[in-house]
Amino acid sequence: MKEFIHENFLLQTDQAVELYHKYAKDQAIIDYHCHLDADLIASDHKFENLTEVWLNGDHYKWRAMRSNGISEDFCTGDRNPREKFKKWAETVPFTLRNPLYHWTHLELSRYFGVNQLLNANNADDIYNHCNEHLSLPEFSCQNLLRKMNVEVVCTTDDPIDDLDAHQRIARSDLEVKVLPSFRPDKATNIVDSRTYCKYLEQLSGKAGLPIKSYQDLLQALEIRHDYFHSRGCRLSDHGLSTFLWSRADVRELEVIFSNVVTGKELSYSMKAKLQTGILSELARMDHKKGWVQQFHYGALRNNSTRMFEAIGPDTGFDSIGDLPVAASLSRFLDSLDQSNQLTKTILYNLNPNDNHVLASMIGNFQDGSTAGKMQFGSGWWFLDQKDGMEKQMNALSNLGLLSRFVGMLTDSRSFLSYPRHEYFRRILCNILGNEMKSGLLPDDMDLVGHLVSRVSYGNAKEYFAFFD
């Protein structure tokens, strides 16, 4: 039987094959948004076993295992690593047509040279084989990045983070740039006053000033924004359920903020006004420093109260939300554009119904100052699979310029996720190669290949300017 992961995997035409191997395959990776642990990179951590590096923290796999009738103790519980891996191996054959089937076998092949189809029968052999590799120096965190030709990693960091790990990395001989990203969700998303006030205490300590007013909050955030900038940060990122747009003057925002710090719960309208004010000021800070701002929206989080109370957030109980976004997003972007304070912006939707909303929205605020200033971000989370990527690129192609797209990111907590860039590039080349063959695009390899190389790497390098 032909190997499943072969050199022309996903490439259906001769044109797609040439595009991938000549223009995409050897491009370096700029991973401008991920959730890797900078401490693990700084210490050049070596993983003890395949379960630690591959299954721990992976809510994609946990969701599949639960769906396959695997009990929680094999997912987030205290079963031993080998037992957990064997339950994952038992699940893999049931993931056919789920992107996990592709990712699993790409990762086994690219990191460990395993080209067998993982199942319960070969689980022990594959586990032992991979563990032998993980014990070698070339499988440390830093060397895993080198192995995948990664040039830049941008982690996701709260304003209260001290970024000590990033400083240790910067002083090391690691040639990969590992930079922080400013993720102030806990300052902008007010769930309840008690939790918010606890966070304000932490932010106050890091900023070195008491936070008793709305203006104090903005000052504290700017102090931390400045600190992040001094540590190499050039991106912000925001996770929102949707855009809430409701303007209020500073006097009203001070009153609303005083309600928070005195323990009063806010109405939906008050939360919208406070979030609008804080996000707008943060966006102005980004513009002043020339940062790129990113907005990930559309997740409906922690749907299972029982499991949230048992094991906490980010464990695989989130789904796609369907709150309206277009009008509020337009007002937010327009308010910044009116004062010429709209920085380079990337928008990511979780609901595919919003593909054409975002693909058309970005065109409203392109101003000719920067090619692709406004970006419709790569398929995110539930959409970072073949169908989701194709639909995102098709919407962007129809309503904007695919040629200016900054391409793929991992958005992952795993050091074994970098084949997702290969996956994306193969899908891109297959779309274009099929259209070259059918006559929808010119059968001009240099012309289309230039697009491939830019979307794979060149656009991101220019857009983020990490090397300037």
Protein backbone atom coordinates (compact mmCIF):
# COMPACT_ATOMS: atom_id res chain seq x y z
CA MET A 1 0.00 0.00 0.00
CA LYS A 2 1.25 3.46 -0.89
CA GLU A 3 2.30 5.54 2.09
CA PHE A 4 -0.47 7.90 3.19
CA ILE A 5 1.87 10.84 3.83
CA HIS A 6 3.94 10.94 0.66
CA GLU A 7 5.81 13.76 -1.06
CA ASN A 8 2.77 14.85 -3.07
CA PHE A 9 0.18 14.50 -0.30
CA LEU A 10 -2.89 16.69 -1.08
CA LEU A 11 -1.42 17.81 -4.42
CA GLN A 12 -3.79 16.71 -7.19
CA THR A 13 -2.20 18.15 -10.35
CA ASP A 14 1.26 18.47 -11.86
CA GLN A 15 0.98 22.24 -11.43
CA ALA A 16 0.19 21.88 -7.71
CA VAL A 17 3.18 19.56 -7.28
CA GLU A 18 5.55 22.04 -8.92
CA LEU A 19 4.14 25.01 -7.02
CA TYR A 20 4.61 23.29 -3.70
CA HIS A 21 8.06 21.81 -4.21
CA LYS A 22 9.55 24.82 -6.01
CA TYR A 23 7.92 27.79 -4.25
CA ALA A 24 6.55 26.69 -0.86
CA LYS A 25 8.23 23.65 0.65
CA ASP A 26 11.55 25.20 1.68
CA GLN A 27 10.25 28.55 2.90
CA ALA A 28 11.00 29.39 6.51
CA ILE A 29 8.16 29.72 9.03
CA ILE A 30 7.05 32.93 10.70
CA ASP A 31 4.66 31.81 13.42
CA TYR A 32 3.18 35.16 14.34
CA HIS A 33 0.53 33.78 16.71
CA CYS A 34 0.86 30.74 18.95
CA HIS A 35 0.54 29.65 22.56
CA LEU A 36 3.93 27.99 23.07
CA ASP A 37 5.39 28.26 26.55
CA ALA A 38 8.39 30.60 26.41
CA ASP A 39 9.77 29.08 29.61
CA LEU A 40 10.09 25.72 27.85
CA ILE A 41 12.02 27.38 25.03
CA ALA A 42 14.24 29.34 27.41
CA SER A 43 15.18 26.20 29.38
CA ASP A 44 15.45 24.16 26.14
CA HIS A 45 13.14 21.61 27.73
CA LYS A 46 13.32 17.95 26.73
CA PHE A 47 10.06 16.04 26.86
CA GLU A 48 9.95 12.80 28.81
CA ASN A 49 7.56 11.00 26.48
CA LEU A 50 5.26 11.36 23.50
CA THR A 51 2.20 11.95 25.65
CA GLU A 52 3.78 14.99 27.29
CA VAL A 53 4.69 16.68 24.03
CA TRP A 54 1.71 15.54 21.95
CA LEU A 55 -1.37 15.01 24.12
CA ASN A 56 -0.98 17.18 27.20
CA GLY A 57 -3.02 20.35 26.74
CA ASP A 58 -4.36 19.28 23.34
CA HIS A 59 -8.11 19.86 23.58
CA TYR A 60 -8.55 18.87 19.91
CA LYS A 61 -7.46 15.33 20.74
CA TRP A 62 -9.40 15.28 24.01
CA ARG A 63 -12.63 16.19 22.22
CA ALA A 64 -12.11 13.34 19.76
CA MET A 65 -11.32 10.88 22.52
CA ARG A 66 -14.43 11.82 24.48
CA SER A 67 -16.51 11.47 21.32
CA ASN A 68 -15.03 8.00 20.91
CA GLY A 69 -16.19 6.91 24.35
CA ILE A 70 -12.89 7.41 26.16
CA SER A 71 -13.30 8.42 29.80
CA GLU A 72 -11.88 11.69 31.14
CA ASP A 73 -9.15 10.03 33.18
CA PHE A 74 -7.39 9.19 29.89
CA CYS A 75 -7.70 12.82 28.70
CA THR A 76 -7.07 15.23 31.57
CA GLY A 77 -6.98 12.63 34.34
CA ASP A 78 -4.18 10.82 36.13
CA ARG A 79 -3.71 7.74 33.98
CA ASN A 80 -0.09 7.05 33.13
CA PRO A 81 1.33 8.48 29.88
CA ARG A 82 1.47 5.17 28.00
CA GLU A 83 -2.16 4.37 28.81
CA LYS A 84 -3.24 7.82 27.62
CA PHE A 85 -1.33 7.44 24.38
CA LYS A 86 -2.81 4.03 23.70
CA LYS A 87 -6.31 5.45 24.10
CA TRP A 88 -5.43 8.17 21.61
CA ALA A 89 -4.05 5.54 19.21
CA GLU A 90 -7.29 3.59 19.62
CA THR A 91 -9.21 6.74 18.67
CA VAL A 92 -7.17 7.73 15.61
CA PRO A 93 -8.84 5.32 13.10
CA PHE A 94 -12.18 6.86 14.09
CA THR A 95 -10.94 10.35 13.12
CA LEU A 96 -11.10 9.66 9.37
CA ARG A 97 -12.21 12.89 7.61
CA ASN A 98 -11.43 14.90 10.74
CA PRO A 99 -8.31 17.09 10.31
CA LEU A 100 -6.78 15.26 13.26
CA TYR A 101 -6.19 12.28 10.99
CA HIS A 102 -4.08 14.39 8.63
CA TRP A 103 -2.27 16.28 11.40
CA THR A 104 -1.51 13.12 13.38
CA HIS A 105 0.20 11.38 10.51
CA LEU A 106 1.98 14.49 9.24
CA GLU A 107 3.44 15.06 12.70
CA LEU A 108 4.50 11.44 13.16
CA SER A 109 6.16 11.50 9.76
CA ARG A 110 7.88 14.88 9.90
CA TYR A 111 9.26 14.65 13.43
CA PHE A 112 9.79 10.94 13.95
CA GLY A 113 9.95 9.36 10.49
CA VAL A 114 6.91 7.20 11.28
CA ASN A 115 4.87 6.49 8.16
CA GLN A 116 2.57 3.82 9.55
CA LEU A 117 -1.09 4.54 10.20
CA LEU A 118 -1.45 4.83 13.96
CA ASN A 119 -3.88 2.42 15.61
CA ALA A 120 -4.27 0.32 18.74
CA ASN A 121 -2.19 -2.54 17.31
CA ASN A 122 0.99 -0.55 16.69
CA ALA A 123 0.60 1.97 19.52
CA ASP A 124 3.26 0.45 21.78
CA ASP A 125 5.85 0.21 19.02
CA ILE A 126 5.27 3.77 17.84
CA TYR A 127 5.26 5.08 21.41
CA ASN A 128 8.60 3.41 22.12
CA HIS A 129 10.09 4.61 18.84
CA CYS A 130 9.09 8.22 19.41
CA ASN A 131 10.25 8.18 23.02
CA GLU A 132 13.69 7.02 21.88
CA HIS A 133 13.85 10.04 19.58
CA LEU A 134 12.64 12.43 22.29
CA SER A 135 15.53 11.36 24.51
CA LEU A 136 18.01 12.70 21.94
CA PRO A 137 19.43 16.26 22.14
CA GLU A 138 18.00 17.17 18.72
CA PHE A 139 14.48 16.80 20.13
CA SER A 140 14.76 19.55 22.72
CA CYS A 141 12.33 22.47 22.35
CA GLN A 142 14.84 24.73 20.64
CA ASN A 143 15.96 22.01 18.27
CA LEU A 144 12.36 21.15 17.37
CA LEU A 145 11.98 24.76 16.21
CA ARG A 146 15.21 24.51 14.22
CA LYS A 147 14.10 21.21 12.71
CA MET A 148 10.99 22.88 11.27
CA ASN A 149 12.91 25.90 9.90
CA VAL A 150 11.11 28.35 12.21
CA GLU A 151 12.42 31.93 12.05
CA VAL A 152 10.00 33.74 14.37
CA VAL A 153 7.71 32.65 17.20
CA CYS A 154 5.25 35.10 18.76
CA THR A 155 3.87 33.81 22.04
CA THR A 156 0.67 35.01 23.73
CA ASP A 157 1.25 36.92 26.96
CA ASP A 158 -0.84 38.72 29.54
CA PRO A 159 0.11 42.33 30.40
CA ILE A 160 1.11 41.17 33.89
CA ASP A 161 3.68 38.68 32.56
CA ASP A 162 7.27 39.63 33.42
CA LEU A 163 8.62 38.25 30.12
CA ASP A 164 11.69 36.92 31.91
CA ALA A 165 11.77 33.84 29.66
CA HIS A 166 11.84 36.05 26.57
CA GLN A 167 14.81 37.92 27.98
CA ARG A 168 16.66 34.68 28.68
CA ILE A 169 16.00 33.56 25.11
CA ALA A 170 17.18 36.89 23.72
CA ARG A 171 20.47 36.48 25.62
CA SER A 172 20.93 32.91 24.40
CA ASP A 173 22.46 31.72 21.14
CA LEU A 174 19.07 30.61 19.75
CA GLU A 175 18.77 32.08 16.26
CA VAL A 176 14.97 31.81 16.29
CA LYS A 177 13.33 35.08 17.34
CA VAL A 178 10.89 34.43 20.20
CA LEU A 179 8.83 37.54 20.84
CA PRO A 180 5.89 38.30 23.15
CA SER A 181 2.42 39.41 22.07
CA PHE A 182 0.26 41.67 24.24
CA ARG A 183 -3.00 39.82 25.12
CA PRO A 184 -5.05 41.99 27.55
CA ASP A 185 -8.26 39.93 27.56
CA LYS A 186 -8.53 39.98 31.35
CA ALA A 187 -8.50 43.77 31.26
CA THR A 188 -11.10 44.10 28.49
CA ASN A 189 -13.50 41.19 29.08
CA ILE A 190 -15.45 41.82 32.28
CA VAL A 191 -17.24 38.64 33.31
CA ASP A 192 -17.90 39.59 36.93
CA SER A 193 -16.65 42.40 39.16
CA ARG A 194 -14.98 40.19 41.75
CA THR A 195 -12.79 38.38 39.22
CA TYR A 196 -12.02 41.64 37.44
CA CYS A 197 -10.94 43.38 40.64
CA LYS A 198 -8.57 40.53 41.47
CA TYR A 199 -6.96 41.00 38.10
CA LEU A 200 -6.72 44.77 38.62
CA GLU A 201 -4.74 44.11 41.81
CA GLN A 202 -2.23 42.07 39.83
CA LEU A 203 -2.02 44.66 37.07
CA SER A 204 -1.59 47.40 39.64
CA GLY A 205 1.37 45.60 41.18
CA LYS A 206 3.09 45.11 37.84
CA ALA A 207 2.47 48.68 36.68
CA GLY A 208 3.53 50.14 40.01
CA LEU A 209 0.50 52.35 40.55
CA PRO A 210 -2.87 51.99 42.29
CA ILE A 211 -5.82 51.49 39.94
CA LYS A 212 -8.73 53.38 41.40
CA SER A 213 -10.17 54.99 38.29
CA TYR A 214 -10.69 54.39 34.59
CA GLN A 215 -7.80 56.73 33.79
CA ASP A 216 -5.60 54.80 36.22
CA LEU A 217 -6.45 51.61 34.33
CA LEU A 218 -5.46 53.13 30.99
CA GLN A 219 -2.22 54.43 32.48
CA ALA A 220 -1.39 51.02 33.93
CA LEU A 221 -2.06 49.33 30.60
CA GLU A 222 0.12 51.85 28.80
CA ILE A 223 2.96 51.27 31.25
CA ARG A 224 2.77 47.55 30.50
CA HIS A 225 2.37 48.25 26.78
CA ASP A 226 5.61 50.26 26.92
CA TYR A 227 7.30 47.46 28.85
CA PHE A 228 6.28 44.87 26.25
CA HIS A 229 7.54 47.13 23.46
CA SER A 230 10.92 47.39 25.18
CA ARG A 231 11.04 43.58 25.20
CA GLY A 232 10.51 43.26 21.45
CA CYS A 233 6.72 42.98 21.30
CA ARG A 234 5.20 44.28 18.08
CA LEU A 235 1.77 42.63 18.14
CA SER A 236 -1.33 42.75 20.28
CA ASP A 237 -4.03 40.13 20.30
CA HIS A 238 -7.59 40.13 21.62
CA GLY A 239 -10.01 37.27 22.18
CA LEU A 240 -13.63 38.44 22.06
CA SER A 241 -16.99 36.71 21.96
CA THR A 242 -17.97 39.47 19.55
CA PHE A 243 -17.36 43.19 19.10
CA LEU A 244 -19.38 45.28 21.53
CA TRP A 245 -19.68 48.85 20.34
CA SER A 246 -21.22 51.48 22.57
CA ARG A 247 -19.48 54.81 22.95
CA ALA A 248 -19.42 56.76 26.19
CA ASP A 249 -17.51 59.84 27.30
CA VAL A 250 -14.78 59.66 29.91
CA ARG A 251 -17.09 60.91 32.67
CA GLU A 252 -19.53 58.04 32.10
CA LEU A 253 -16.70 55.51 31.84
CA GLU A 254 -15.36 56.69 35.18
CA VAL A 255 -18.77 56.11 36.77
CA ILE A 256 -19.01 52.62 35.25
CA PHE A 257 -15.50 51.78 36.41
CA SER A 258 -16.27 52.97 39.94
CA ASN A 259 -19.13 50.46 39.99
CA VAL A 260 -16.69 47.68 39.15
CA VAL A 261 -14.13 48.54 41.82
CA THR A 262 -16.84 48.81 44.47
CA GLY A 263 -18.02 45.30 43.64
CA LYS A 264 -21.21 46.12 41.76
CA GLU A 265 -22.09 43.95 38.80
CA LEU A 266 -22.38 45.68 35.45
CA SER A 267 -25.25 45.54 33.00
CA TYR A 268 -24.61 44.33 29.45
CA SER A 269 -24.76 47.93 28.25
CA MET A 270 -22.20 49.07 30.82
CA LYS A 271 -19.83 46.23 29.91
CA ALA A 272 -20.15 47.18 26.25
CA LYS A 273 -19.26 50.80 26.96
CA LEU A 274 -16.28 49.92 29.12
CA GLN A 275 -14.96 47.36 26.63
CA THR A 276 -15.38 49.83 23.78
CA GLY A 277 -13.43 52.48 25.67
CA ILE A 278 -10.57 50.20 26.73
CA LEU A 279 -10.17 48.49 23.32
CA SER A 280 -10.19 51.85 21.56
CA GLU A 281 -7.41 53.21 23.77
CA LEU A 282 -5.35 50.05 23.37
CA ALA A 283 -5.76 50.29 19.59
CA ARG A 284 -4.43 53.85 19.73
CA MET A 285 -1.42 52.65 21.69
CA ASP A 286 -0.79 50.00 19.02
CA HIS A 287 -0.97 52.62 16.28
CA LYS A 288 1.40 54.96 18.11
CA LYS A 289 4.05 52.24 18.34
CA GLY A 290 3.45 50.78 14.88
CA TRP A 291 2.23 47.43 16.19
CA VAL A 292 -0.07 45.00 14.42
CA GLN A 293 -3.35 44.35 16.25
CA GLN A 294 -5.17 41.02 16.01
CA PHE A 295 -8.76 40.23 16.92
CA HIS A 296 -9.99 36.66 17.37
CA TYR A 297 -13.73 36.60 17.88
CA GLY A 298 -16.66 34.22 17.82
CA ALA A 299 -15.96 31.56 20.45
CA LEU A 300 -18.74 30.38 22.76
CA ARG A 301 -16.67 29.24 25.70
CA ASN A 302 -17.07 26.84 28.62
CA ASN A 303 -20.39 25.39 27.45
CA SER A 304 -20.31 22.53 29.95
CA THR A 305 -20.66 24.04 33.41
CA ARG A 306 -20.03 20.65 34.98
CA MET A 307 -16.71 20.16 33.20
CA PHE A 308 -15.66 23.80 33.62
CA GLU A 309 -16.09 23.44 37.37
CA ALA A 310 -14.24 20.12 37.33
CA ILE A 311 -11.20 20.86 35.14
CA GLY A 312 -11.36 24.54 34.18
CA PRO A 313 -11.18 26.47 30.87
CA ASP A 314 -9.39 25.60 27.62
CA THR A 315 -10.02 21.88 27.99
CA GLY A 316 -12.21 21.25 24.94
CA PHE A 317 -15.68 22.51 25.86
CA ASP A 318 -15.81 25.57 23.62
CA SER A 319 -17.69 25.89 20.33
CA ILE A 320 -18.63 28.34 17.59
CA GLY A 321 -20.80 31.31 18.56
CA ASP A 322 -23.24 33.20 16.34
CA LEU A 323 -23.46 36.72 17.79
CA PRO A 324 -23.79 39.57 15.27
CA VAL A 325 -20.57 41.43 14.49
CA ALA A 326 -20.61 43.49 11.26
CA ALA A 327 -22.09 46.79 12.47
CA SER A 328 -20.11 46.98 15.72
CA LEU A 329 -16.87 45.96 14.02
CA SER A 330 -17.39 48.61 11.36
CA ARG A 331 -17.96 51.31 13.95
CA PHE A 332 -14.90 50.27 15.91
CA LEU A 333 -12.60 50.35 12.89
CA ASP A 334 -14.18 53.53 11.55
CA SER A 335 -13.73 55.38 14.84
CA LEU A 336 -9.99 54.71 14.65
CA ASP A 337 -9.78 55.45 10.94
CA GLN A 338 -11.47 58.83 11.38
CA SER A 339 -8.62 60.01 13.58
CA ASN A 340 -6.00 58.22 11.44
CA GLN A 341 -5.19 55.87 14.34
CA LEU A 342 -6.04 52.54 12.72
CA THR A 343 -2.91 50.39 12.75
CA LYS A 344 -2.29 47.25 10.72
CA THR A 345 -5.05 44.84 11.69
CA ILE A 346 -5.76 41.11 11.35
CA LEU A 347 -9.32 39.85 11.90
CA TYR A 348 -10.11 36.18 12.61
CA ASN A 349 -13.63 34.74 12.71
CA LEU A 350 -14.64 31.43 14.25
CA ASN A 351 -18.04 31.24 12.56
CA PRO A 352 -17.63 30.52 8.81
CA ASN A 353 -20.82 32.50 8.19
CA ASP A 354 -18.65 35.58 8.75
CA ASN A 355 -16.11 34.78 6.02
CA HIS A 356 -17.57 37.22 3.52
CA VAL A 357 -18.29 39.78 6.23
CA LEU A 358 -14.59 40.01 7.06
CA ALA A 359 -13.35 39.61 3.49
CA SER A 360 -15.46 42.63 2.50
CA MET A 361 -14.91 44.58 5.76
CA ILE A 362 -11.15 44.78 5.36
CA GLY A 363 -11.59 46.48 1.99
CA ASN A 364 -13.36 49.40 3.68
CA PHE A 365 -10.22 50.42 5.55
CA GLN A 366 -7.38 49.71 3.15
CA ASP A 367 -5.78 53.13 2.70
CA GLY A 368 -2.82 52.56 0.38
CA SER A 369 -0.29 53.18 3.16
CA THR A 370 0.68 49.51 3.48
CA ALA A 371 -0.01 46.66 1.09
CA GLY A 372 -2.54 44.41 2.82
CA LYS A 373 -2.80 46.72 5.83
CA MET A 374 -6.13 45.13 6.76
CA GLN A 375 -5.98 41.33 6.82
CA PHE A 376 -8.61 38.59 6.87
CA GLY A 377 -6.80 36.09 9.07
CA SER A 378 -6.20 32.45 8.31
CA GLY A 379 -8.83 29.87 9.23
CA TRP A 380 -8.79 29.75 13.03
CA TRP A 381 -9.44 26.99 15.57
CA PHE A 382 -12.41 24.98 14.25
CA LEU A 383 -11.66 26.38 10.78
CA ASP A 384 -7.94 25.62 10.51
CA GLN A 385 -8.57 22.52 8.41
CA LYS A 386 -8.74 21.86 4.68
CA ASP A 387 -12.34 22.93 4.11
CA GLY A 388 -12.04 25.94 6.42
CA MET A 389 -8.80 27.12 4.84
CA GLU A 390 -10.16 26.73 1.33
CA LYS A 391 -13.30 28.71 2.16
CA GLN A 392 -11.30 31.47 3.86
CA MET A 393 -8.95 31.80 0.89
CA ASN A 394 -11.82 31.67 -1.59
CA ALA A 395 -13.68 34.46 0.20
CA LEU A 396 -10.52 36.54 0.38
CA SER A 397 -9.76 35.88 -3.29
CA ASN A 398 -13.24 36.88 -4.40
CA LEU A 399 -13.42 40.08 -2.36
CA GLY A 400 -9.81 41.09 -1.78
CA LEU A 401 -6.24 40.19 -2.72
CA LEU A 402 -5.05 36.70 -1.87
CA SER A 403 -1.63 37.80 -3.12
CA ARG A 404 -1.27 40.09 -0.08
CA PHE A 405 -2.39 37.52 2.50
CA VAL A 406 0.07 36.99 5.40
CA GLY A 407 -0.70 33.29 5.53
CA MET A 408 -0.63 30.62 8.19
CA LEU A 409 0.02 30.51 11.94
CA THR A 410 -0.12 27.56 14.34
CA ASP A 411 -2.26 29.03 17.17
CA SER A 412 -1.05 25.98 19.07
CA ARG A 413 0.37 25.02 22.45
CA SER A 414 2.29 22.09 20.95
CA PHE A 415 5.86 22.02 19.73
CA LEU A 416 4.79 19.34 17.23
CA SER A 417 2.29 21.57 15.39
CA TYR A 418 4.57 23.11 12.78
CA PRO A 419 3.51 20.71 10.00
CA ARG A 420 0.30 22.77 9.97
CA HIS A 421 2.27 25.31 7.92
CA GLU A 422 3.11 22.56 5.44
CA TYR A 423 -0.54 21.51 5.45
CA PHE A 424 -1.64 25.06 4.66
CA ARG A 425 0.93 25.46 1.90
CA ARG A 426 -0.11 22.20 0.25
CA ILE A 427 -3.76 23.27 0.32
CA LEU A 428 -2.86 26.67 -1.16
CA CYS A 429 -0.82 25.07 -3.94
CA ASN A 430 -3.55 22.55 -4.68
CA ILE A 431 -6.18 25.29 -5.07
CA LEU A 432 -3.97 27.25 -7.44
CA GLY A 433 -2.65 24.20 -9.31
CA ASN A 434 -6.16 22.92 -10.00
CA GLU A 435 -7.19 26.32 -11.35
CA MET A 436 -4.09 26.50 -13.54
CA LYS A 437 -4.93 23.10 -15.01
CA SER A 438 -8.58 24.03 -15.62
CA GLY A 439 -7.72 27.38 -17.23
CA LEU A 440 -9.12 29.56 -14.45
CA LEU A 441 -5.59 30.86 -13.87
CA PRO A 442 -2.78 31.29 -16.39
CA ASP A 443 -0.56 28.23 -16.68
CA ASP A 444 2.36 30.51 -15.83
CA MET A 445 4.48 28.92 -13.10
CA ASP A 446 6.53 32.01 -12.29
CA LEU A 447 3.44 34.23 -11.98
CA VAL A 448 1.48 31.89 -9.70
CA GLY A 449 4.61 30.68 -7.93
CA HIS A 450 5.36 34.25 -6.89
CA LEU A 451 1.97 34.34 -5.15
CA VAL A 452 2.71 31.05 -3.40
CA SER A 453 6.09 32.18 -2.09
CA ARG A 454 4.66 35.45 -0.82
CA VAL A 455 1.71 33.88 0.98
CA SER A 456 3.93 31.13 2.40
CA TYR A 457 6.53 33.52 3.79
CA GLY A 458 7.31 36.79 2.02
CA ASN A 459 4.18 38.73 2.92
CA ALA A 460 4.52 37.95 6.62
CA LYS A 461 8.17 38.94 6.59
CA GLU A 462 7.34 42.34 5.08
CA TYR A 463 4.14 42.93 7.05
CA PHE A 464 5.51 42.29 10.53
CA ALA A 465 9.01 43.63 9.85
CA PHE A 466 10.53 41.54 12.64
CA PHE A 467 13.95 41.83 11.05
CA ASP A 468 14.05 45.62 10.58
